[in-house]
Amino acid sequence: MKNQNIKISMFYCLNSLSEDEITSISDKFKNVDLHTISLPCSGKINLLYLLKAIETGSEGILLVSCKLGECKFLQGNLRAKKRIDCVDDLLFETGLGNGHVRFVSLTETDKMDTLELAIHDLEEKLRFEFQEIQEKR
């Protein structure tokens, strides 16, 4: 898995990232198959969408929103964070572990750095877990 692509599904709020920014971030990660899905608001994410992404082969999920508390749709990003926490708990209960689904809140000043770091951290976690599984076999 060291040289194999990691599949990450990234759901993002249309108010938080532009198409150019999505292309830019995708180009930075050569060993990540970044599947992007836009939402009118991160609060529109449904638990079933997140679970379906895992079921269809995503090793990790990022939900990207605007800055917490500054959603154009009042509390959309606060609801989104709660949903991510719920799915993370469900995955832990099923034995898949924690941290495969993450919530990322962006600010205008450093959003690309924050997003790049979030993708990198998730990729590293997934590669480490895969390596541990291989060593146990």
N, C-alpha and C. Protein backbone atom coordinates (compact mmCIF):
# COMPACT_ATOMS: atom_id res chain seq x y z
N MET A 1 0.82 -1.20 0.00
CA MET A 1 0.00 0.00 0.00
C MET A 1 0.86 1.26 0.00
N LYS A 2 2.17 1.11 0.23
CA LYS A 2 3.03 2.28 0.26
C LYS A 2 2.95 3.06 -1.05
N ASN A 3 2.93 2.38 -2.17
CA ASN A 3 2.89 3.05 -3.47
C ASN A 3 1.51 3.02 -4.09
N GLN A 4 0.58 2.37 -3.42
CA GLN A 4 -0.78 2.26 -3.93
C GLN A 4 -1.57 3.52 -3.60
N ASN A 5 -2.51 3.87 -4.46
CA ASN A 5 -3.33 5.04 -4.19
C ASN A 5 -4.32 4.77 -3.06
N ILE A 6 -4.49 5.77 -2.23
CA ILE A 6 -5.49 5.76 -1.17
C ILE A 6 -6.72 6.48 -1.73
N LYS A 7 -7.89 5.88 -1.55
CA LYS A 7 -9.12 6.51 -2.04
C LYS A 7 -9.76 7.30 -0.90
N ILE A 8 -9.88 8.60 -1.13
CA ILE A 8 -10.52 9.49 -0.15
C ILE A 8 -11.67 10.21 -0.85
N SER A 9 -12.84 10.16 -0.23
CA SER A 9 -13.98 10.92 -0.73
C SER A 9 -14.03 12.23 0.05
N MET A 10 -14.08 13.32 -0.69
CA MET A 10 -14.13 14.63 -0.05
C MET A 10 -15.44 15.32 -0.43
N PHE A 11 -16.32 15.43 0.54
CA PHE A 11 -17.56 16.19 0.37
C PHE A 11 -17.24 17.62 0.79
N TYR A 12 -17.66 18.59 -0.01
CA TYR A 12 -17.33 19.97 0.33
C TYR A 12 -18.49 20.91 0.04
N CYS A 13 -18.57 21.93 0.86
CA CYS A 13 -19.56 22.98 0.72
C CYS A 13 -19.15 23.88 -0.45
N LEU A 14 -20.10 24.16 -1.33
CA LEU A 14 -19.82 25.03 -2.48
C LEU A 14 -19.37 26.43 -2.05
N ASN A 15 -19.74 26.83 -0.84
CA ASN A 15 -19.35 28.15 -0.34
C ASN A 15 -17.94 28.18 0.23
N SER A 16 -17.31 27.01 0.35
CA SER A 16 -15.99 26.97 0.97
C SER A 16 -14.84 26.80 -0.02
N LEU A 17 -15.09 26.16 -1.17
CA LEU A 17 -14.02 25.92 -2.14
C LEU A 17 -14.50 26.18 -3.56
N SER A 18 -13.59 26.66 -4.40
CA SER A 18 -13.90 26.87 -5.81
C SER A 18 -13.37 25.69 -6.62
N GLU A 19 -13.78 25.60 -7.87
CA GLU A 19 -13.29 24.53 -8.76
C GLU A 19 -11.78 24.60 -8.93
N ASP A 20 -11.24 25.81 -9.04
CA ASP A 20 -9.78 25.97 -9.18
C ASP A 20 -9.04 25.45 -7.95
N GLU A 21 -9.60 25.71 -6.79
CA GLU A 21 -8.97 25.23 -5.55
C GLU A 21 -9.04 23.71 -5.46
N ILE A 22 -10.15 23.13 -5.90
CA ILE A 22 -10.28 21.67 -5.91
C ILE A 22 -9.23 21.06 -6.84
N THR A 23 -9.09 21.63 -8.04
CA THR A 23 -8.10 21.13 -8.99
C THR A 23 -6.69 21.27 -8.43
N SER A 24 -6.41 22.39 -7.81
CA SER A 24 -5.09 22.65 -7.24
C SER A 24 -4.74 21.63 -6.16
N ILE A 25 -5.68 21.36 -5.27
CA ILE A 25 -5.40 20.43 -4.17
C ILE A 25 -5.30 19.00 -4.69
N SER A 26 -6.09 18.66 -5.69
CA SER A 26 -6.03 17.31 -6.27
C SER A 26 -4.68 17.05 -6.93
N ASP A 27 -4.13 18.08 -7.56
CA ASP A 27 -2.84 17.94 -8.25
C ASP A 27 -1.67 17.74 -7.29
N LYS A 28 -1.83 18.15 -6.03
CA LYS A 28 -0.73 18.05 -5.07
C LYS A 28 -0.54 16.64 -4.52
N PHE A 29 -1.57 15.80 -4.64
CA PHE A 29 -1.51 14.47 -4.06
C PHE A 29 -1.54 13.42 -5.16
N LYS A 30 -0.37 12.90 -5.49
CA LYS A 30 -0.25 11.93 -6.57
C LYS A 30 -0.67 10.53 -6.15
N ASN A 31 -0.51 10.20 -4.85
CA ASN A 31 -0.86 8.86 -4.37
C ASN A 31 -2.21 8.81 -3.67
N VAL A 32 -3.03 9.81 -3.93
CA VAL A 32 -4.38 9.85 -3.36
C VAL A 32 -5.37 9.98 -4.49
N ASP A 33 -6.32 9.07 -4.51
CA ASP A 33 -7.44 9.15 -5.45
C ASP A 33 -8.53 9.95 -4.75
N LEU A 34 -8.53 11.26 -5.00
CA LEU A 34 -9.43 12.18 -4.32
C LEU A 34 -10.72 12.31 -5.12
N HIS A 35 -11.78 11.77 -4.58
CA HIS A 35 -13.09 11.83 -5.23
C HIS A 35 -13.87 12.97 -4.56
N THR A 36 -14.16 14.03 -5.32
CA THR A 36 -14.80 15.21 -4.74
C THR A 36 -16.29 15.24 -5.06
N ILE A 37 -17.08 15.60 -4.05
CA ILE A 37 -18.54 15.69 -4.18
C ILE A 37 -18.96 17.03 -3.59
N SER A 38 -19.58 17.87 -4.40
CA SER A 38 -20.00 19.18 -3.91
C SER A 38 -21.38 19.10 -3.26
N LEU A 39 -21.57 19.96 -2.28
CA LEU A 39 -22.85 20.08 -1.57
C LEU A 39 -23.23 21.55 -1.54
N PRO A 40 -24.52 21.88 -1.57
CA PRO A 40 -24.89 23.29 -1.45
C PRO A 40 -24.51 23.86 -0.09
N CYS A 41 -24.42 22.99 0.91
CA CYS A 41 -24.01 23.35 2.27
C CYS A 41 -23.53 22.06 2.92
N SER A 42 -22.51 22.13 3.75
CA SER A 42 -22.04 20.91 4.41
C SER A 42 -23.11 20.31 5.30
N GLY A 43 -24.05 21.13 5.76
CA GLY A 43 -25.15 20.65 6.58
C GLY A 43 -26.11 19.76 5.83
N LYS A 44 -26.01 19.72 4.51
CA LYS A 44 -26.87 18.86 3.70
C LYS A 44 -26.34 17.43 3.61
N ILE A 45 -25.19 17.16 4.23
CA ILE A 45 -24.65 15.81 4.19
C ILE A 45 -25.58 14.87 4.94
N ASN A 46 -25.70 13.68 4.41
CA ASN A 46 -26.57 12.68 4.99
C ASN A 46 -25.69 11.52 5.47
N LEU A 47 -26.05 10.93 6.58
CA LEU A 47 -25.28 9.80 7.10
C LEU A 47 -25.13 8.70 6.06
N LEU A 48 -26.18 8.49 5.27
CA LEU A 48 -26.14 7.44 4.26
C LEU A 48 -25.10 7.73 3.17
N TYR A 49 -24.91 9.01 2.81
CA TYR A 49 -23.89 9.36 1.82
C TYR A 49 -22.50 8.96 2.33
N LEU A 50 -22.27 9.26 3.60
CA LEU A 50 -20.96 8.97 4.19
C LEU A 50 -20.71 7.46 4.26
N LEU A 51 -21.72 6.73 4.71
CA LEU A 51 -21.58 5.28 4.80
C LEU A 51 -21.46 4.63 3.42
N LYS A 52 -22.19 5.17 2.44
CA LYS A 52 -22.11 4.65 1.07
C LYS A 52 -20.70 4.84 0.50
N ALA A 53 -20.08 5.96 0.82
CA ALA A 53 -18.71 6.20 0.34
C ALA A 53 -17.76 5.14 0.89
N ILE A 54 -17.91 4.78 2.15
CA ILE A 54 -17.08 3.72 2.74
C ILE A 54 -17.41 2.39 2.09
N GLU A 55 -18.70 2.12 1.91
CA GLU A 55 -19.14 0.85 1.32
C GLU A 55 -18.61 0.67 -0.10
N THR A 56 -18.48 1.76 -0.84
CA THR A 56 -18.05 1.67 -2.24
C THR A 56 -16.54 1.80 -2.42
N GLY A 57 -15.79 1.71 -1.33
CA GLY A 57 -14.35 1.62 -1.48
C GLY A 57 -13.50 2.76 -0.97
N SER A 58 -14.09 3.80 -0.45
CA SER A 58 -13.28 4.89 0.11
C SER A 58 -12.68 4.44 1.43
N GLU A 59 -11.37 4.63 1.55
CA GLU A 59 -10.72 4.31 2.82
C GLU A 59 -10.91 5.43 3.84
N GLY A 60 -11.13 6.64 3.34
CA GLY A 60 -11.32 7.78 4.22
C GLY A 60 -12.27 8.79 3.63
N ILE A 61 -12.82 9.64 4.50
CA ILE A 61 -13.76 10.67 4.07
C ILE A 61 -13.41 11.98 4.77
N LEU A 62 -13.43 13.05 3.99
CA LEU A 62 -13.31 14.40 4.54
C LEU A 62 -14.60 15.15 4.24
N LEU A 63 -15.10 15.86 5.21
CA LEU A 63 -16.23 16.76 4.99
C LEU A 63 -15.71 18.17 5.24
N VAL A 64 -15.67 18.96 4.19
CA VAL A 64 -15.09 20.30 4.24
C VAL A 64 -16.20 21.33 4.32
N SER A 65 -16.07 22.23 5.29
CA SER A 65 -17.10 23.27 5.46
C SER A 65 -16.44 24.63 5.62
N CYS A 66 -17.30 25.63 5.61
CA CYS A 66 -16.82 26.98 5.91
C CYS A 66 -16.52 27.05 7.42
N LYS A 67 -16.04 28.16 7.87
CA LYS A 67 -15.66 28.33 9.27
C LYS A 67 -16.85 28.04 10.19
N LEU A 68 -16.57 27.28 11.24
CA LEU A 68 -17.63 26.93 12.19
C LEU A 68 -18.30 28.18 12.75
N GLY A 69 -19.61 28.16 12.75
CA GLY A 69 -20.38 29.28 13.27
C GLY A 69 -20.62 30.39 12.25
N GLU A 70 -20.05 30.28 11.05
CA GLU A 70 -20.22 31.32 10.03
C GLU A 70 -20.87 30.78 8.77
N CYS A 71 -21.71 29.79 8.92
CA CYS A 71 -22.41 29.19 7.78
C CYS A 71 -23.46 30.15 7.24
N LYS A 72 -23.56 30.25 5.92
CA LYS A 72 -24.57 31.09 5.29
C LYS A 72 -25.98 30.58 5.54
N PHE A 73 -26.06 29.30 5.90
CA PHE A 73 -27.35 28.68 6.18
C PHE A 73 -27.52 28.43 7.68
N LEU A 74 -27.09 29.38 8.47
CA LEU A 74 -27.20 29.40 9.93
C LEU A 74 -26.33 28.36 10.62
N GLN A 75 -26.82 27.14 10.80
CA GLN A 75 -26.07 26.15 11.56
C GLN A 75 -25.71 24.91 10.76
N GLY A 76 -25.62 25.05 9.46
CA GLY A 76 -25.33 23.90 8.61
C GLY A 76 -24.05 23.19 8.96
N ASN A 77 -22.98 23.95 9.17
CA ASN A 77 -21.70 23.28 9.45
C ASN A 77 -21.66 22.68 10.85
N LEU A 78 -22.45 23.20 11.77
CA LEU A 78 -22.52 22.60 13.10
C LEU A 78 -23.23 21.25 13.04
N ARG A 79 -24.29 21.18 12.23
CA ARG A 79 -24.98 19.89 12.02
C ARG A 79 -24.05 18.90 11.32
N ALA A 80 -23.28 19.39 10.35
CA ALA A 80 -22.36 18.52 9.61
C ALA A 80 -21.33 17.90 10.54
N LYS A 81 -20.78 18.68 11.44
CA LYS A 81 -19.78 18.16 12.39
C LYS A 81 -20.40 17.07 13.26
N LYS A 82 -21.61 17.27 13.72
CA LYS A 82 -22.28 16.25 14.54
C LYS A 82 -22.48 14.95 13.75
N ARG A 83 -22.79 15.07 12.48
CA ARG A 83 -22.99 13.89 11.64
C ARG A 83 -21.69 13.13 11.43
N ILE A 84 -20.61 13.85 11.24
CA ILE A 84 -19.30 13.20 11.09
C ILE A 84 -18.94 12.45 12.37
N ASP A 85 -19.17 13.09 13.51
CA ASP A 85 -18.88 12.43 14.78
C ASP A 85 -19.71 11.16 14.94
N CYS A 86 -20.97 11.20 14.50
CA CYS A 86 -21.86 10.05 14.58
C CYS A 86 -21.35 8.90 13.71
N VAL A 87 -20.95 9.19 12.48
CA VAL A 87 -20.44 8.16 11.58
C VAL A 87 -19.12 7.60 12.11
N ASP A 88 -18.27 8.44 12.65
CA ASP A 88 -17.01 7.97 13.22
C ASP A 88 -17.28 6.99 14.36
N ASP A 89 -18.27 7.30 15.20
CA ASP A 89 -18.64 6.39 16.29
C ASP A 89 -19.19 5.07 15.74
N LEU A 90 -20.01 5.14 14.70
CA LEU A 90 -20.56 3.92 14.09
C LEU A 90 -19.45 3.03 13.53
N LEU A 91 -18.49 3.64 12.85
CA LEU A 91 -17.39 2.86 12.29
C LEU A 91 -16.54 2.22 13.39
N PHE A 92 -16.38 2.93 14.48
CA PHE A 92 -15.64 2.37 15.61
C PHE A 92 -16.38 1.16 16.19
N GLU A 93 -17.69 1.29 16.34
CA GLU A 93 -18.50 0.21 16.89
C GLU A 93 -18.49 -1.03 15.99
N THR A 94 -18.34 -0.83 14.69
CA THR A 94 -18.32 -1.98 13.78
C THR A 94 -16.93 -2.61 13.66
N GLY A 95 -15.94 -2.00 14.29
CA GLY A 95 -14.60 -2.56 14.29
C GLY A 95 -13.66 -1.96 13.27
N LEU A 96 -14.10 -0.95 12.54
CA LEU A 96 -13.22 -0.33 11.54
C LEU A 96 -12.28 0.71 12.13
N GLY A 97 -12.55 1.14 13.35
CA GLY A 97 -11.67 2.10 14.00
C GLY A 97 -12.14 3.54 13.85
N ASN A 98 -11.43 4.42 14.52
CA ASN A 98 -11.75 5.85 14.50
C ASN A 98 -10.88 6.60 13.51
N GLY A 99 -11.33 7.78 13.13
CA GLY A 99 -10.51 8.68 12.34
C GLY A 99 -10.56 8.50 10.85
N HIS A 100 -11.41 7.62 10.34
CA HIS A 100 -11.53 7.44 8.90
C HIS A 100 -12.41 8.50 8.27
N VAL A 101 -13.23 9.14 9.08
CA VAL A 101 -14.06 10.25 8.63
C VAL A 101 -13.68 11.47 9.45
N ARG A 102 -13.46 12.56 8.73
CA ARG A 102 -13.00 13.78 9.41
C ARG A 102 -13.73 15.00 8.90
N PHE A 103 -13.87 15.94 9.80
CA PHE A 103 -14.50 17.22 9.51
C PHE A 103 -13.41 18.27 9.44
N VAL A 104 -13.45 19.11 8.40
CA VAL A 104 -12.45 20.16 8.23
C VAL A 104 -13.19 21.48 8.04
N SER A 105 -12.93 22.41 8.93
CA SER A 105 -13.52 23.74 8.85
C SER A 105 -12.46 24.71 8.30
N LEU A 106 -12.81 25.42 7.24
CA LEU A 106 -11.84 26.30 6.58
C LEU A 106 -12.10 27.76 6.89
N THR A 107 -11.02 28.52 6.99
CA THR A 107 -11.10 29.97 7.07
C THR A 107 -10.51 30.54 5.79
N GLU A 108 -10.88 31.71 5.43
CA GLU A 108 -10.40 32.32 4.18
C GLU A 108 -8.89 32.50 4.16
N THR A 109 -8.29 32.78 5.30
CA THR A 109 -6.88 33.14 5.31
C THR A 109 -5.93 31.98 5.02
N ASP A 110 -6.24 30.79 5.53
CA ASP A 110 -5.31 29.68 5.35
C ASP A 110 -6.01 28.39 4.92
N LYS A 111 -7.05 28.51 4.13
CA LYS A 111 -7.85 27.33 3.82
C LYS A 111 -7.10 26.28 3.01
N MET A 112 -6.27 26.68 2.08
CA MET A 112 -5.56 25.68 1.27
C MET A 112 -4.52 24.92 2.11
N ASP A 113 -3.85 25.62 3.01
CA ASP A 113 -2.89 24.96 3.90
C ASP A 113 -3.62 23.99 4.84
N THR A 114 -4.75 24.43 5.37
CA THR A 114 -5.54 23.58 6.27
C THR A 114 -6.02 22.34 5.55
N LEU A 115 -6.53 22.51 4.34
CA LEU A 115 -7.04 21.38 3.57
C LEU A 115 -5.92 20.41 3.19
N GLU A 116 -4.79 20.95 2.76
CA GLU A 116 -3.65 20.12 2.39
C GLU A 116 -3.17 19.30 3.59
N LEU A 117 -3.10 19.92 4.74
CA LEU A 117 -2.69 19.22 5.95
C LEU A 117 -3.69 18.13 6.34
N ALA A 118 -4.98 18.42 6.21
CA ALA A 118 -6.02 17.43 6.54
C ALA A 118 -5.93 16.21 5.64
N ILE A 119 -5.74 16.43 4.35
CA ILE A 119 -5.63 15.30 3.41
C ILE A 119 -4.36 14.50 3.70
N HIS A 120 -3.27 15.20 3.93
CA HIS A 120 -2.00 14.53 4.22
C HIS A 120 -2.11 13.70 5.50
N ASP A 121 -2.69 14.26 6.56
CA ASP A 121 -2.84 13.54 7.82
C ASP A 121 -3.71 12.29 7.66
N LEU A 122 -4.82 12.43 6.94
CA LEU A 122 -5.70 11.29 6.72
C LEU A 122 -4.99 10.21 5.90
N GLU A 123 -4.28 10.62 4.87
CA GLU A 123 -3.53 9.66 4.05
C GLU A 123 -2.51 8.90 4.90
N GLU A 124 -1.77 9.61 5.73
CA GLU A 124 -0.75 8.98 6.58
C GLU A 124 -1.39 8.00 7.56
N LYS A 125 -2.50 8.38 8.16
CA LYS A 125 -3.19 7.50 9.10
C LYS A 125 -3.64 6.22 8.41
N LEU A 126 -4.22 6.35 7.23
CA LEU A 126 -4.71 5.18 6.50
C LEU A 126 -3.57 4.27 6.07
N ARG A 127 -2.47 4.84 5.62
CA ARG A 127 -1.30 4.03 5.23
C ARG A 127 -0.71 3.30 6.45
N PHE A 128 -0.65 3.98 7.58
CA PHE A 128 -0.12 3.38 8.80
C PHE A 128 -0.99 2.21 9.24
N GLU A 129 -2.30 2.39 9.23
CA GLU A 129 -3.21 1.32 9.63
C GLU A 129 -3.10 0.12 8.69
N PHE A 130 -2.99 0.39 7.40
CA PHE A 130 -2.86 -0.70 6.44
C PHE A 130 -1.57 -1.47 6.69
N GLN A 131 -0.51 -0.76 6.97
CA GLN A 131 0.78 -1.40 7.25
C GLN A 131 0.68 -2.28 8.49
N GLU A 132 0.00 -1.79 9.54
CA GLU A 132 -0.18 -2.59 10.76
C GLU A 132 -0.95 -3.86 10.48
N ILE A 133 -1.98 -3.76 9.65
CA ILE A 133 -2.78 -4.94 9.30
C ILE A 133 -1.92 -5.96 8.56
N GLN A 134 -1.11 -5.48 7.61
CA GLN A 134 -0.23 -6.37 6.86
C GLN A 134 0.78 -7.08 7.76
N GLU A 135 1.29 -6.37 8.74
CA GLU A 135 2.29 -6.96 9.64
C GLU A 135 1.68 -8.03 10.54
N LYS A 136 0.41 -7.90 10.87
CA LYS A 136 -0.28 -8.88 11.73
C LYS A 136 -0.56 -10.18 10.98
N ARG A 137 -0.60 -10.11 9.67
CA ARG A 137 -0.89 -11.31 8.88
C ARG A 137 0.28 -12.18 8.84
